[in-house]
C-alpha atoms as a PDB file:
ATOM      1  CA  MET A   1      90.278  65.176 117.586  1.00  0.00           C
ATOM      2  CA  VAL A   2      90.317  65.543 113.823  1.00  0.00           C
ATOM      3  CA  THR A   3      88.128  67.904 111.807  1.00  0.00           C
ATOM      4  CA  LEU A   4      87.014  66.930 108.299  1.00  0.00           C
ATOM      5  CA  ASN A   5      84.904  69.029 105.957  1.00  0.00           C
ATOM      6  CA  VAL A   6      82.527  66.421 104.527  1.00  0.00           C
ATOM      7  CA  ASN A   7      79.664  67.301 102.222  1.00  0.00           C
ATOM      8  CA  GLY A   8      79.893  70.959 103.248  1.00  0.00           C
ATOM      9  CA  LYS A   9      79.865  70.361 106.992  1.00  0.00           C
ATOM     10  CA  ASN A  10      82.765  70.292 109.446  1.00  0.00           C
ATOM     11  CA  GLU A  11      82.783  67.002 111.329  1.00  0.00           C
ATOM     12  CA  GLU A  12      84.895  66.411 114.456  1.00  0.00           C
ATOM     13  CA  MET A  13      86.009  62.869 115.145  1.00  0.00           C
ATOM     14  CA  ASP A  14      88.214  61.185 117.667  1.00  0.00           C
ATOM     15  CA  VAL A  15      90.204  59.086 115.201  1.00  0.00           C
ATOM     16  CA  SER A  16      93.835  58.439 114.424  1.00  0.00           C
ATOM     17  CA  PRO A  17      95.313  60.609 111.655  1.00  0.00           C
ATOM     18  CA  GLU A  18      96.596  57.315 110.178  1.00  0.00           C
ATOM     19  CA  MET A  19      93.068  55.942 109.723  1.00  0.00           C
ATOM     20  CA  PRO A  20      92.104  55.591 106.046  1.00  0.00           C
ATOM     21  CA  LEU A  21      89.527  58.210 105.059  1.00  0.00           C
ATOM     22  CA  LEU A  22      87.221  55.404 103.874  1.00  0.00           C
ATOM     23  CA  TRP A  23      86.778  54.080 107.406  1.00  0.00           C
ATOM     24  CA  ALA A  24      86.221  57.526 108.897  1.00  0.00           C
ATOM     25  CA  LEU A  25      83.467  58.133 106.338  1.00  0.00           C
ATOM     26  CA  ARG A  26      81.811  54.736 106.677  1.00  0.00           C
ATOM     27  CA  ASP A  27      82.339  53.832 110.333  1.00  0.00           C
ATOM     28  CA  ARG A  28      82.360  57.220 112.050  1.00  0.00           C
ATOM     29  CA  LEU A  29      80.050  59.320 109.845  1.00  0.00           C
ATOM     30  CA  ASN A  30      77.842  56.467 108.605  1.00  0.00           C
ATOM     31  CA  LEU A  31      78.270  57.573 104.965  1.00  0.00           C
ATOM     32  CA  THR A  32      78.071  54.062 103.576  1.00  0.00           C
ATOM     33  CA  GLY A  33      77.620  54.984  99.904  1.00  0.00           C
ATOM     34  CA  THR A  34      81.405  54.949  99.653  1.00  0.00           C
ATOM     35  CA  LYS A  35      82.300  51.263  99.339  1.00  0.00           C
ATOM     36  CA  TYR A  36      85.238  49.124 100.391  1.00  0.00           C
ATOM     37  CA  GLY A  37      86.465  47.099  97.441  1.00  0.00           C
ATOM     38  CA  CYS A  38      90.130  46.213  97.522  1.00  0.00           C
ATOM     39  CA  GLY A  39      91.765  48.444 100.139  1.00  0.00           C
ATOM     40  CA  ARG A  40      94.634  49.122  97.714  1.00  0.00           C
ATOM     41  CA  ALA A  41      93.253  51.958  95.523  1.00  0.00           C
ATOM     42  CA  MET A  42      92.952  49.600  92.565  1.00  0.00           C
ATOM     43  CA  CYS A  43      89.181  49.151  92.098  1.00  0.00           C
ATOM     44  CA  GLY A  44      87.618  52.608  92.534  1.00  0.00           C
ATOM     45  CA  ALA A  45      84.698  51.543  94.743  1.00  0.00           C
ATOM     46  CA  CYS A  46      85.838  53.977  97.445  1.00  0.00           C
ATOM     47  CA  THR A  47      86.132  57.025  95.177  1.00  0.00           C
ATOM     48  CA  VAL A  48      85.217  60.378  96.712  1.00  0.00           C
ATOM     49  CA  HIS A  49      86.113  63.945  95.777  1.00  0.00           C
ATOM     50  CA  VAL A  50      88.697  65.984  97.630  1.00  0.00           C
ATOM     51  CA  ASP A  51      88.567  69.578  96.434  1.00  0.00           C
ATOM     52  CA  GLY A  52      86.814  68.361  93.281  1.00  0.00           C
ATOM     53  CA  GLU A  53      89.341  65.668  92.393  1.00  0.00           C
ATOM     54  CA  ALA A  54      88.426  61.991  92.399  1.00  0.00           C
ATOM     55  CA  ILE A  55      90.549  60.107  94.944  1.00  0.00           C
ATOM     56  CA  ARG A  56      90.519  56.612  96.406  1.00  0.00           C
ATOM     57  CA  SER A  57      89.533  57.055 100.036  1.00  0.00           C
ATOM     58  CA  CYS A  58      90.999  53.700 101.080  1.00  0.00           C
ATOM     59  CA  SER A  59      94.529  54.936 100.391  1.00  0.00           C
ATOM     60  CA  ILE A  60      94.440  58.454 101.799  1.00  0.00           C
ATOM     61  CA  MET A  61      94.841  58.932 105.513  1.00  0.00           C
ATOM     62  CA  VAL A  62      92.547  61.171 107.548  1.00  0.00           C
ATOM     63  CA  GLY A  63      95.518  63.295 108.612  1.00  0.00           C
ATOM     64  CA  THR A  64      96.205  64.382 105.032  1.00  0.00           C
ATOM     65  CA  VAL A  65      92.712  65.875 104.615  1.00  0.00           C
ATOM     66  CA  ALA A  66      92.106  67.003 108.217  1.00  0.00           C
ATOM     67  CA  GLY A  67      91.755  70.542 109.415  1.00  0.00           C
ATOM     68  CA  GLY A  68      88.523  71.397 107.636  1.00  0.00           C
ATOM     69  CA  LYS A  69      90.233  73.199 104.744  1.00  0.00           C
ATOM     70  CA  LYS A  70      90.013  70.361 102.200  1.00  0.00           C
ATOM     71  CA  LYS A  71      86.486  69.753 100.953  1.00  0.00           C
ATOM     72  CA  ILE A  72      85.524  66.079 100.885  1.00  0.00           C
ATOM     73  CA  THR A  73      82.433  65.086  98.915  1.00  0.00           C
ATOM     74  CA  THR A  74      80.911  61.618  99.049  1.00  0.00           C
ATOM     75  CA  ILE A  75      78.191  60.187  96.824  1.00  0.00           C
ATOM     76  CA  GLU A  76      75.668  61.324  99.443  1.00  0.00           C
ATOM     77  CA  GLY A  77      76.791  64.929  98.958  1.00  0.00           C
ATOM     78  CA  ALA A  78      77.268  64.911  95.178  1.00  0.00           C
ATOM     79  CA  SER A  79      75.310  67.863  93.837  1.00  0.00           C
ATOM     80  CA  GLY A  80      75.297  70.504  91.170  1.00  0.00           C
ATOM     81  CA  LYS A  81      74.593  70.526  87.454  1.00  0.00           C
ATOM     82  CA  VAL A  82      77.176  67.911  86.463  1.00  0.00           C
ATOM     83  CA  ALA A  83      76.304  65.536  89.293  1.00  0.00           C
ATOM     84  CA  ALA A  84      72.593  65.798  88.454  1.00  0.00           C
ATOM     85  CA  ALA A  85      73.275  65.106  84.761  1.00  0.00           C
ATOM     86  CA  VAL A  86      75.409  62.056  85.570  1.00  0.00           C
ATOM     87  CA  ILE A  87      72.944  60.605  88.077  1.00  0.00           C
ATOM     88  CA  ASN A  88      70.024  61.218  85.706  1.00  0.00           C
ATOM     89  CA  ALA A  89      71.842  59.508  82.819  1.00  0.00           C
ATOM     90  CA  TRP A  90      72.752  56.571  85.080  1.00  0.00           C
ATOM     91  CA  GLN A  91      69.094  56.126  85.979  1.00  0.00           C
ATOM     92  CA  LYS A  92      67.724  56.731  82.480  1.00  0.00           C
ATOM     93  CA  LEU A  93      70.077  54.179  80.888  1.00  0.00           C
ATOM     94  CA  ASP A  94      69.717  51.698  83.758  1.00  0.00           C
ATOM     95  CA  VAL A  95      73.497  51.426  84.165  1.00  0.00           C
ATOM     96  CA  VAL A  96      73.459  49.646  87.497  1.00  0.00           C
ATOM     97  CA  GLN A  97      73.515  45.878  87.683  1.00  0.00           C
ATOM     98  CA  CYS A  98      74.657  44.788  91.158  1.00  0.00           C
ATOM     99  CA  GLY A  99      75.435  48.428  92.030  1.00  0.00           C
ATOM    100  CA  TYR A 100      78.407  47.867  94.312  1.00  0.00           C
ATOM    101  CA  CYS A 101      80.898  49.890  92.271  1.00  0.00           C
ATOM    102  CA  GLN A 102      78.496  52.519  91.015  1.00  0.00           C
ATOM    103  CA  SER A 103      79.050  55.250  93.597  1.00  0.00           C
ATOM    104  CA  GLY A 104      82.747  55.220  92.710  1.00  0.00           C
ATOM    105  CA  GLN A 105      81.932  55.130  89.001  1.00  0.00           C
ATOM    106  CA  ILE A 106      79.576  58.106  89.361  1.00  0.00           C
ATOM    107  CA  MET A 107      82.096  60.134  91.372  1.00  0.00           C
ATOM    108  CA  SER A 108      84.769  59.512  88.719  1.00  0.00           C
ATOM    109  CA  ALA A 109      82.323  60.409  85.928  1.00  0.00           C
ATOM    110  CA  ILE A 110      81.466  63.698  87.672  1.00  0.00           C
ATOM    111  CA  THR A 111      85.159  64.599  87.843  1.00  0.00           C
ATOM    112  CA  LEU A 112      85.647  63.634  84.191  1.00  0.00           C
ATOM    113  CA  LEU A 113      82.723  65.754  82.947  1.00  0.00           C
ATOM    114  CA  SER A 114      83.694  68.669  85.192  1.00  0.00           C
ATOM    115  CA  LYS A 115      87.021  68.813  83.359  1.00  0.00           C
ATOM    116  CA  ASN A 116      85.928  67.704  79.884  1.00  0.00           C
ATOM    117  CA  SER A 117      82.386  68.498  78.804  1.00  0.00           C
ATOM    118  CA  LYS A 118      82.684  66.658  75.461  1.00  0.00           C
ATOM    119  CA  PRO A 119      84.686  63.495  76.136  1.00  0.00           C
ATOM    120  CA  THR A 120      85.487  60.989  73.409  1.00  0.00           C
ATOM    121  CA  ASP A 121      85.377  57.258  74.074  1.00  0.00           C
ATOM    122  CA  THR A 122      89.134  57.382  74.670  1.00  0.00           C
ATOM    123  CA  ASP A 123      88.739  60.285  77.115  1.00  0.00           C
ATOM    124  CA  ILE A 124      86.098  58.286  78.994  1.00  0.00           C
ATOM    125  CA  ASP A 125      88.259  55.168  79.081  1.00  0.00           C
ATOM    126  CA  LEU A 126      91.176  57.179  80.468  1.00  0.00           C
ATOM    127  CA  GLY A 127      89.021  59.177  82.908  1.00  0.00           C
ATOM    128  CA  MET A 128      87.356  56.070  84.260  1.00  0.00           C
ATOM    129  CA  GLU A 129      90.548  54.005  84.387  1.00  0.00           C
ATOM    130  CA  GLY A 130      90.911  52.198  87.686  1.00  0.00           C
ATOM    131  CA  ASN A 131      87.170  51.877  88.268  1.00  0.00           C
ATOM    132  CA  ILE A 132      86.384  48.190  88.070  1.00  0.00           C
ATOM    133  CA  CYS A 133      82.879  46.842  87.504  1.00  0.00           C
ATOM    134  CA  ARG A 134      82.537  43.133  88.307  1.00  0.00           C
ATOM    135  CA  CYS A 135      79.297  43.021  86.285  1.00  0.00           C
ATOM    136  CA  GLY A 136      80.926  44.496  83.184  1.00  0.00           C
ATOM    137  CA  THR A 137      78.589  47.456  82.690  1.00  0.00           C
ATOM    138  CA  TYR A 138      81.331  49.440  80.958  1.00  0.00           C
ATOM    139  CA  VAL A 139      79.317  49.932  77.746  1.00  0.00           C
ATOM    140  CA  ARG A 140      76.369  51.376  79.693  1.00  0.00           C
ATOM    141  CA  ILE A 141      78.713  53.522  81.798  1.00  0.00           C
ATOM    142  CA  ARG A 142      80.250  55.006  78.643  1.00  0.00           C
ATOM    143  CA  GLN A 143      76.776  55.607  77.161  1.00  0.00           C
ATOM    144  CA  ALA A 144      75.634  57.309  80.356  1.00  0.00           C
ATOM    145  CA  ILE A 145      78.652  59.621  80.355  1.00  0.00           C
ATOM    146  CA  HIS A 146      77.955  60.588  76.737  1.00  0.00           C
ATOM    147  CA  GLN A 147      74.270  61.121  77.624  1.00  0.00           C
ATOM    148  CA  ALA A 148      75.196  63.311  80.597  1.00  0.00           C
ATOM    149  CA  ALA A 149      77.573  65.337  78.397  1.00  0.00           C
ATOM    150  CA  LYS A 150      74.794  65.901  75.837  1.00  0.00           C
ATOM    151  CA  SER A 151      72.372  67.046  78.518  1.00  0.00           C
ATOM    152  CA  LEU A 152      74.945  69.547  79.798  1.00  0.00           C
ATOM    153  CA  ALA A 153      75.593  71.030  76.318  1.00  0.00           C
END
């Protein structure tokens, strides 16, 4: 048995410590907002927070975050002032096109704004690096991050 602290709740699962965190979240806990994109930590669709840091859940094994001490947050559990500002800006500016990558984009944006409340375009490009959007909504994503930053000021 493995214990994971997910969205503020300890969850016990009978899974291998070598299982990617992505599959434990999606298949065992039914938290399907975290998406499978590439399986190689190159697209960002599977981004979640571990202790507030954006990580690619397809490339981290359950065993490395087990024990209930590391706090895992998925898009379903994203909350707080920064998360609310990001989600509101995403909705207000109609960022989403197909939507597949957006949970990963939002989770990365939350981490970015939690560390840098007044990001420049370059800061945003660097903070969002590795999050791929097949629909090319990068301009709207950048605008939404700036909008969220303004609302937090």
